[in-house]
Each structure stands twice: as C-alpha cells, then as structure tokens.
C-alpha cells in the first residue's frame, strides 16, 4: 500500500514536471515575442525622434 502511494506521488511529480516544462516553453516563446515587439517599437520610436 505504502509503495503504491509513493509510486503515485512520483508519477504525479513526473507528469507535473512535464506540464511545467511545456508551460515554461510556452512562456519563453511569449517572452521572446514580447521582447521582439519591444525592440521593434524602440527602433520605430527612435526613427521618429531622429
């Protein structure tokens, strides 16, 4: 009984890690897009100022 409970906890941790990795990948993708947009906006505004 105790062993199966530990197995269940371990498997939930593993699936949780997989889910977290997927979320981190998605978040990184959005972060890069956002940084790219900010850089684009910065270049655009500096052209207007100059």
PDB file of N, CA and C in Angstrom:
ATOM      1  N   UNK A   1       0.840  -1.207   0.000  1.00  0.00           N
ATOM      2  CA  UNK A   1       0.000   0.000   0.000  1.00  0.00           C
ATOM      3  C   UNK A   1       0.877   1.259   0.000  1.00  0.00           C
ATOM      4  N   UNK A   2       1.847   1.287   0.908  1.00  0.00           N
ATOM      5  CA  UNK A   2       2.713   2.455   1.018  1.00  0.00           C
ATOM      6  C   UNK A   2       3.526   2.651  -0.257  1.00  0.00           C
ATOM      7  N   UNK A   3       3.984   1.531  -0.838  1.00  0.00           N
ATOM      8  CA  UNK A   3       4.793   1.588  -2.058  1.00  0.00           C
ATOM      9  C   UNK A   3       3.986   2.159  -3.226  1.00  0.00           C
ATOM     10  N   UNK A   4       2.727   1.720  -3.359  1.00  0.00           N
ATOM     11  CA  UNK A   4       1.887   2.209  -4.452  1.00  0.00           C
ATOM     12  C   UNK A   4       1.596   3.704  -4.273  1.00  0.00           C
ATOM     13  N   UNK A   5       1.469   4.140  -3.018  1.00  0.00           N
ATOM     14  CA  UNK A   5       1.224   5.551  -2.744  1.00  0.00           C
ATOM     15  C   UNK A   5       2.443   6.376  -3.166  1.00  0.00           C
ATOM     16  N   UNK A   6       3.636   5.889  -2.834  1.00  0.00           N
ATOM     17  CA  UNK A   6       4.868   6.579  -3.239  1.00  0.00           C
ATOM     18  C   UNK A   6       4.991   6.613  -4.756  1.00  0.00           C
ATOM     19  N   UNK A   7       4.622   5.497  -5.401  1.00  0.00           N
ATOM     20  CA  UNK A   7       4.650   5.436  -6.867  1.00  0.00           C
ATOM     21  C   UNK A   7       3.713   6.477  -7.473  1.00  0.00           C
ATOM     22  N   UNK A   8       2.531   6.602  -6.883  1.00  0.00           N
ATOM     23  CA  UNK A   8       1.548   7.566  -7.368  1.00  0.00           C
ATOM     24  C   UNK A   8       2.081   8.996  -7.226  1.00  0.00           C
ATOM     25  N   UNK A   9       2.709   9.276  -6.095  1.00  0.00           N
ATOM     26  CA  UNK A   9       3.278  10.604  -5.857  1.00  0.00           C
ATOM     27  C   UNK A   9       4.390  10.875  -6.868  1.00  0.00           C
ATOM     28  N   UNK A  10       5.249   9.875  -7.090  1.00  0.00           N
ATOM     29  CA  UNK A  10       6.355  10.017  -8.026  1.00  0.00           C
ATOM     30  C   UNK A  10       5.854  10.267  -9.441  1.00  0.00           C
ATOM     31  N   UNK A  11       4.835   9.512  -9.856  1.00  0.00           N
ATOM     32  CA  UNK A  11       4.297   9.684 -11.216  1.00  0.00           C
ATOM     33  C   UNK A  11       3.630  11.047 -11.371  1.00  0.00           C
ATOM     34  N   UNK A  12       2.974  11.523 -10.301  1.00  0.00           N
ATOM     35  CA  UNK A  12       2.336  12.844 -10.372  1.00  0.00           C
ATOM     36  C   UNK A  12       3.391  13.942 -10.464  1.00  0.00           C
ATOM     37  N   UNK A  13       4.523  13.750  -9.781  1.00  0.00           N
ATOM     38  CA  UNK A  13       5.627  14.711  -9.862  1.00  0.00           C
ATOM     39  C   UNK A  13       6.182  14.728 -11.281  1.00  0.00           C
ATOM     40  N   UNK A  14       6.340  13.543 -11.869  1.00  0.00           N
ATOM     41  CA  UNK A  14       6.881  13.451 -13.228  1.00  0.00           C
ATOM     42  C   UNK A  14       5.955  14.113 -14.243  1.00  0.00           C
ATOM     43  N   UNK A  15       4.661  13.842 -14.130  1.00  0.00           N
ATOM     44  CA  UNK A  15       3.713  14.463 -15.064  1.00  0.00           C
ATOM     45  C   UNK A  15       3.646  15.966 -14.817  1.00  0.00           C
ATOM     46  N   UNK A  16       3.772  16.360 -13.556  1.00  0.00           N
ATOM     47  CA  UNK A  16       3.795  17.773 -13.216  1.00  0.00           C
ATOM     48  C   UNK A  16       4.993  18.462 -13.834  1.00  0.00           C
ATOM     49  N   UNK A  17       6.156  17.780 -13.792  1.00  0.00           N
ATOM     50  CA  UNK A  17       7.358  18.340 -14.406  1.00  0.00           C
ATOM     51  C   UNK A  17       7.193  18.494 -15.903  1.00  0.00           C
ATOM     52  N   UNK A  18       6.574  17.485 -16.539  1.00  0.00           N
ATOM     53  CA  UNK A  18       6.351  17.545 -17.986  1.00  0.00           C
ATOM     54  C   UNK A  18       5.449  18.730 -18.317  1.00  0.00           C
ATOM     55  N   UNK A  19       4.410  18.909 -17.508  1.00  0.00           N
ATOM     56  CA  UNK A  19       3.462  20.007 -17.701  1.00  0.00           C
ATOM     57  C   UNK A  19       4.166  21.347 -17.474  1.00  0.00           C
ATOM     58  N   UNK A  20       5.001  21.406 -16.447  1.00  0.00           N
ATOM     59  CA  UNK A  20       5.749  22.630 -16.143  1.00  0.00           C
ATOM     60  C   UNK A  20       6.715  22.963 -17.276  1.00  0.00           C
ATOM     61  N   UNK A  21       7.367  21.943 -17.819  1.00  0.00           N
ATOM     62  CA  UNK A  21       8.299  22.165 -18.929  1.00  0.00           C
ATOM     63  C   UNK A  21       7.565  22.731 -20.141  1.00  0.00           C
ATOM     64  N   UNK A  22       6.354  22.210 -20.397  1.00  0.00           N
ATOM     65  CA  UNK A  22       5.550  22.691 -21.523  1.00  0.00           C
ATOM     66  C   UNK A  22       5.150  24.153 -21.292  1.00  0.00           C
ATOM     67  N   UNK A  23       4.758  24.470 -20.057  1.00  0.00           N
ATOM     68  CA  UNK A  23       4.372  25.843 -19.712  1.00  0.00           C
ATOM     69  C   UNK A  23       5.557  26.790 -19.851  1.00  0.00           C
ATOM     70  N   UNK A  24       6.729  26.350 -19.387  1.00  0.00           N
ATOM     71  CA  UNK A  24       7.935  27.179 -19.473  1.00  0.00           C
ATOM     72  C   UNK A  24       8.276  27.451 -20.932  1.00  0.00           C
ATOM     73  N   UNK A  25       8.165  26.406 -21.786  1.00  0.00           N
ATOM     74  CA  UNK A  25       8.434  26.581 -23.211  1.00  0.00           C
ATOM     75  C   UNK A  25       7.495  27.622 -23.816  1.00  0.00           C
ATOM     76  N   UNK A  26       6.204  27.507 -23.484  1.00  0.00           N
ATOM     77  CA  UNK A  26       5.206  28.454 -23.990  1.00  0.00           C
ATOM     78  C   UNK A  26       5.516  29.863 -23.501  1.00  0.00           C
ATOM     79  N   UNK A  27       5.856  29.967 -22.209  1.00  0.00           N
ATOM     80  CA  UNK A  27       6.164  31.264 -21.603  1.00  0.00           C
ATOM     81  C   UNK A  27       7.399  31.885 -22.260  1.00  0.00           C
ATOM     82  N   UNK A  28       8.422  31.046 -22.522  1.00  0.00           N
ATOM     83  CA  UNK A  28       9.622  31.537 -23.196  1.00  0.00           C
ATOM     84  C   UNK A  28       9.292  32.058 -24.579  1.00  0.00           C
ATOM     85  N   UNK A  29       8.442  31.329 -25.293  1.00  0.00           N
ATOM     86  CA  UNK A  29       8.032  31.753 -26.622  1.00  0.00           C
ATOM     87  C   UNK A  29       7.363  33.123 -26.580  1.00  0.00           C
ATOM     88  N   UNK A  30       6.448  33.297 -25.616  1.00  0.00           N
ATOM     89  CA  UNK A  30       5.765  34.585 -25.479  1.00  0.00           C
ATOM     90  C   UNK A  30       6.738  35.689 -25.080  1.00  0.00           C
ATOM     91  N   UNK A  31       7.690  35.350 -24.199  1.00  0.00           N
ATOM     92  CA  UNK A  31       8.668  36.341 -23.745  1.00  0.00           C
ATOM     93  C   UNK A  31       9.511  36.827 -24.909  1.00  0.00           C
ATOM     94  N   UNK A  32       9.967  35.875 -25.751  1.00  0.00           N
ATOM     95  CA  UNK A  32      10.778  36.257 -26.913  1.00  0.00           C
ATOM     96  C   UNK A  32       9.969  37.129 -27.869  1.00  0.00           C
ATOM     97  N   UNK A  33       8.710  36.779 -28.080  1.00  0.00           N
ATOM     98  CA  UNK A  33       7.836  37.580 -28.952  1.00  0.00           C
ATOM     99  C   UNK A  33       7.683  38.982 -28.394  1.00  0.00           C
ATOM    100  N   UNK A  34       7.472  39.066 -27.068  1.00  0.00           N
ATOM    101  CA  UNK A  34       7.268  40.347 -26.407  1.00  0.00           C
ATOM    102  C   UNK A  34       8.527  41.208 -26.493  1.00  0.00           C
ATOM    103  N   UNK A  35       9.694  40.592 -26.258  1.00  0.00           N
ATOM    104  CA  UNK A  35      10.970  41.315 -26.352  1.00  0.00           C
ATOM    105  C   UNK A  35      11.178  41.798 -27.792  1.00  0.00           C
ATOM    106  N   UNK A  36      10.841  40.942 -28.751  1.00  0.00           N
ATOM    107  CA  UNK A  36      10.950  41.318 -30.159  1.00  0.00           C
ATOM    108  C   UNK A  36      10.067  42.510 -30.492  1.00  0.00           C
ATOM    109  N   UNK A  37       8.845  42.495 -29.973  1.00  0.00           N
ATOM    110  CA  UNK A  37       7.922  43.613 -30.195  1.00  0.00           C
ATOM    111  C   UNK A  37       8.443  44.892 -29.553  1.00  0.00           C
ATOM    112  N   UNK A  38       8.987  44.760 -28.339  1.00  0.00           N
ATOM    113  CA  UNK A  38       9.542  45.929 -27.656  1.00  0.00           C
ATOM    114  C   UNK A  38      10.716  46.505 -28.436  1.00  0.00           C
ATOM    115  N   UNK A  39      11.582  45.627 -28.935  1.00  0.00           N
ATOM    116  CA  UNK A  39      12.724  46.068 -29.731  1.00  0.00           C
ATOM    117  C   UNK A  39      12.271  46.769 -30.998  1.00  0.00           C
ATOM    118  N   UNK A  40      11.248  46.231 -31.633  1.00  0.00           N
ATOM    119  CA  UNK A  40      10.687  46.804 -32.856  1.00  0.00           C
ATOM    120  C   UNK A  40      10.128  48.196 -32.567  1.00  0.00           C
ATOM    121  N   UNK A  41       9.372  48.303 -31.482  1.00  0.00           N
ATOM    122  CA  UNK A  41       8.772  49.567 -31.076  1.00  0.00           C
ATOM    123  C   UNK A  41       9.855  50.593 -30.740  1.00  0.00           C
ATOM    124  N   UNK A  42      10.912  50.133 -30.071  1.00  0.00           N
ATOM    125  CA  UNK A  42      12.024  51.009 -29.696  1.00  0.00           C
ATOM    126  C   UNK A  42      12.720  51.555 -30.942  1.00  0.00           C
ATOM    127  N   UNK A  43      12.983  50.695 -31.905  1.00  0.00           N
ATOM    128  CA  UNK A  43      13.601  51.130 -33.163  1.00  0.00           C
ATOM    129  C   UNK A  43      12.710  52.134 -33.882  1.00  0.00           C
ATOM    130  N   UNK A  44      11.422  51.843 -33.918  1.00  0.00           N
ATOM    131  CA  UNK A  44      10.451  52.695 -34.598  1.00  0.00           C
ATOM    132  C   UNK A  44      10.396  54.075 -33.942  1.00  0.00           C
ATOM    133  N   UNK A  45      10.352  54.121 -32.608  1.00  0.00           N
ATOM    134  CA  UNK A  45      10.273  55.392 -31.894  1.00  0.00           C
ATOM    135  C   UNK A  45      11.569  56.184 -32.037  1.00  0.00           C
ATOM    136  N   UNK A  46      12.708  55.503 -32.093  1.00  0.00           N
ATOM    137  CA  UNK A  46      13.976  56.224 -32.243  1.00  0.00           C
ATOM    138  C   UNK A  46      14.089  56.831 -33.643  1.00  0.00           C
ATOM    139  N   UNK A  47      13.496  56.193 -34.634  1.00  0.00           N
ATOM    140  CA  UNK A  47      13.476  56.741 -36.004  1.00  0.00           C
ATOM    141  C   UNK A  47      12.622  58.022 -36.020  1.00  0.00           C
ATOM    142  N   UNK A  48      11.475  57.971 -35.325  1.00  0.00           N
ATOM    143  CA  UNK A  48      10.579  59.134 -35.271  1.00  0.00           C
ATOM    144  C   UNK A  48      11.281  60.305 -34.570  1.00  0.00           C
ATOM    145  N   UNK A  49      11.968  60.024 -33.464  1.00  0.00           N
ATOM    146  CA  UNK A  49      12.657  61.075 -32.694  1.00  0.00           C
ATOM    147  C   UNK A  49      13.782  61.692 -33.538  1.00  0.00           C
ATOM    148  N   UNK A  50      14.569  60.860 -34.203  1.00  0.00           N
ATOM    149  CA  UNK A  50      15.659  61.344 -35.055  1.00  0.00           C
ATOM    150  C   UNK A  50      15.111  61.714 -36.388  1.00  0.00           C
TER     151      UNK A  50
END
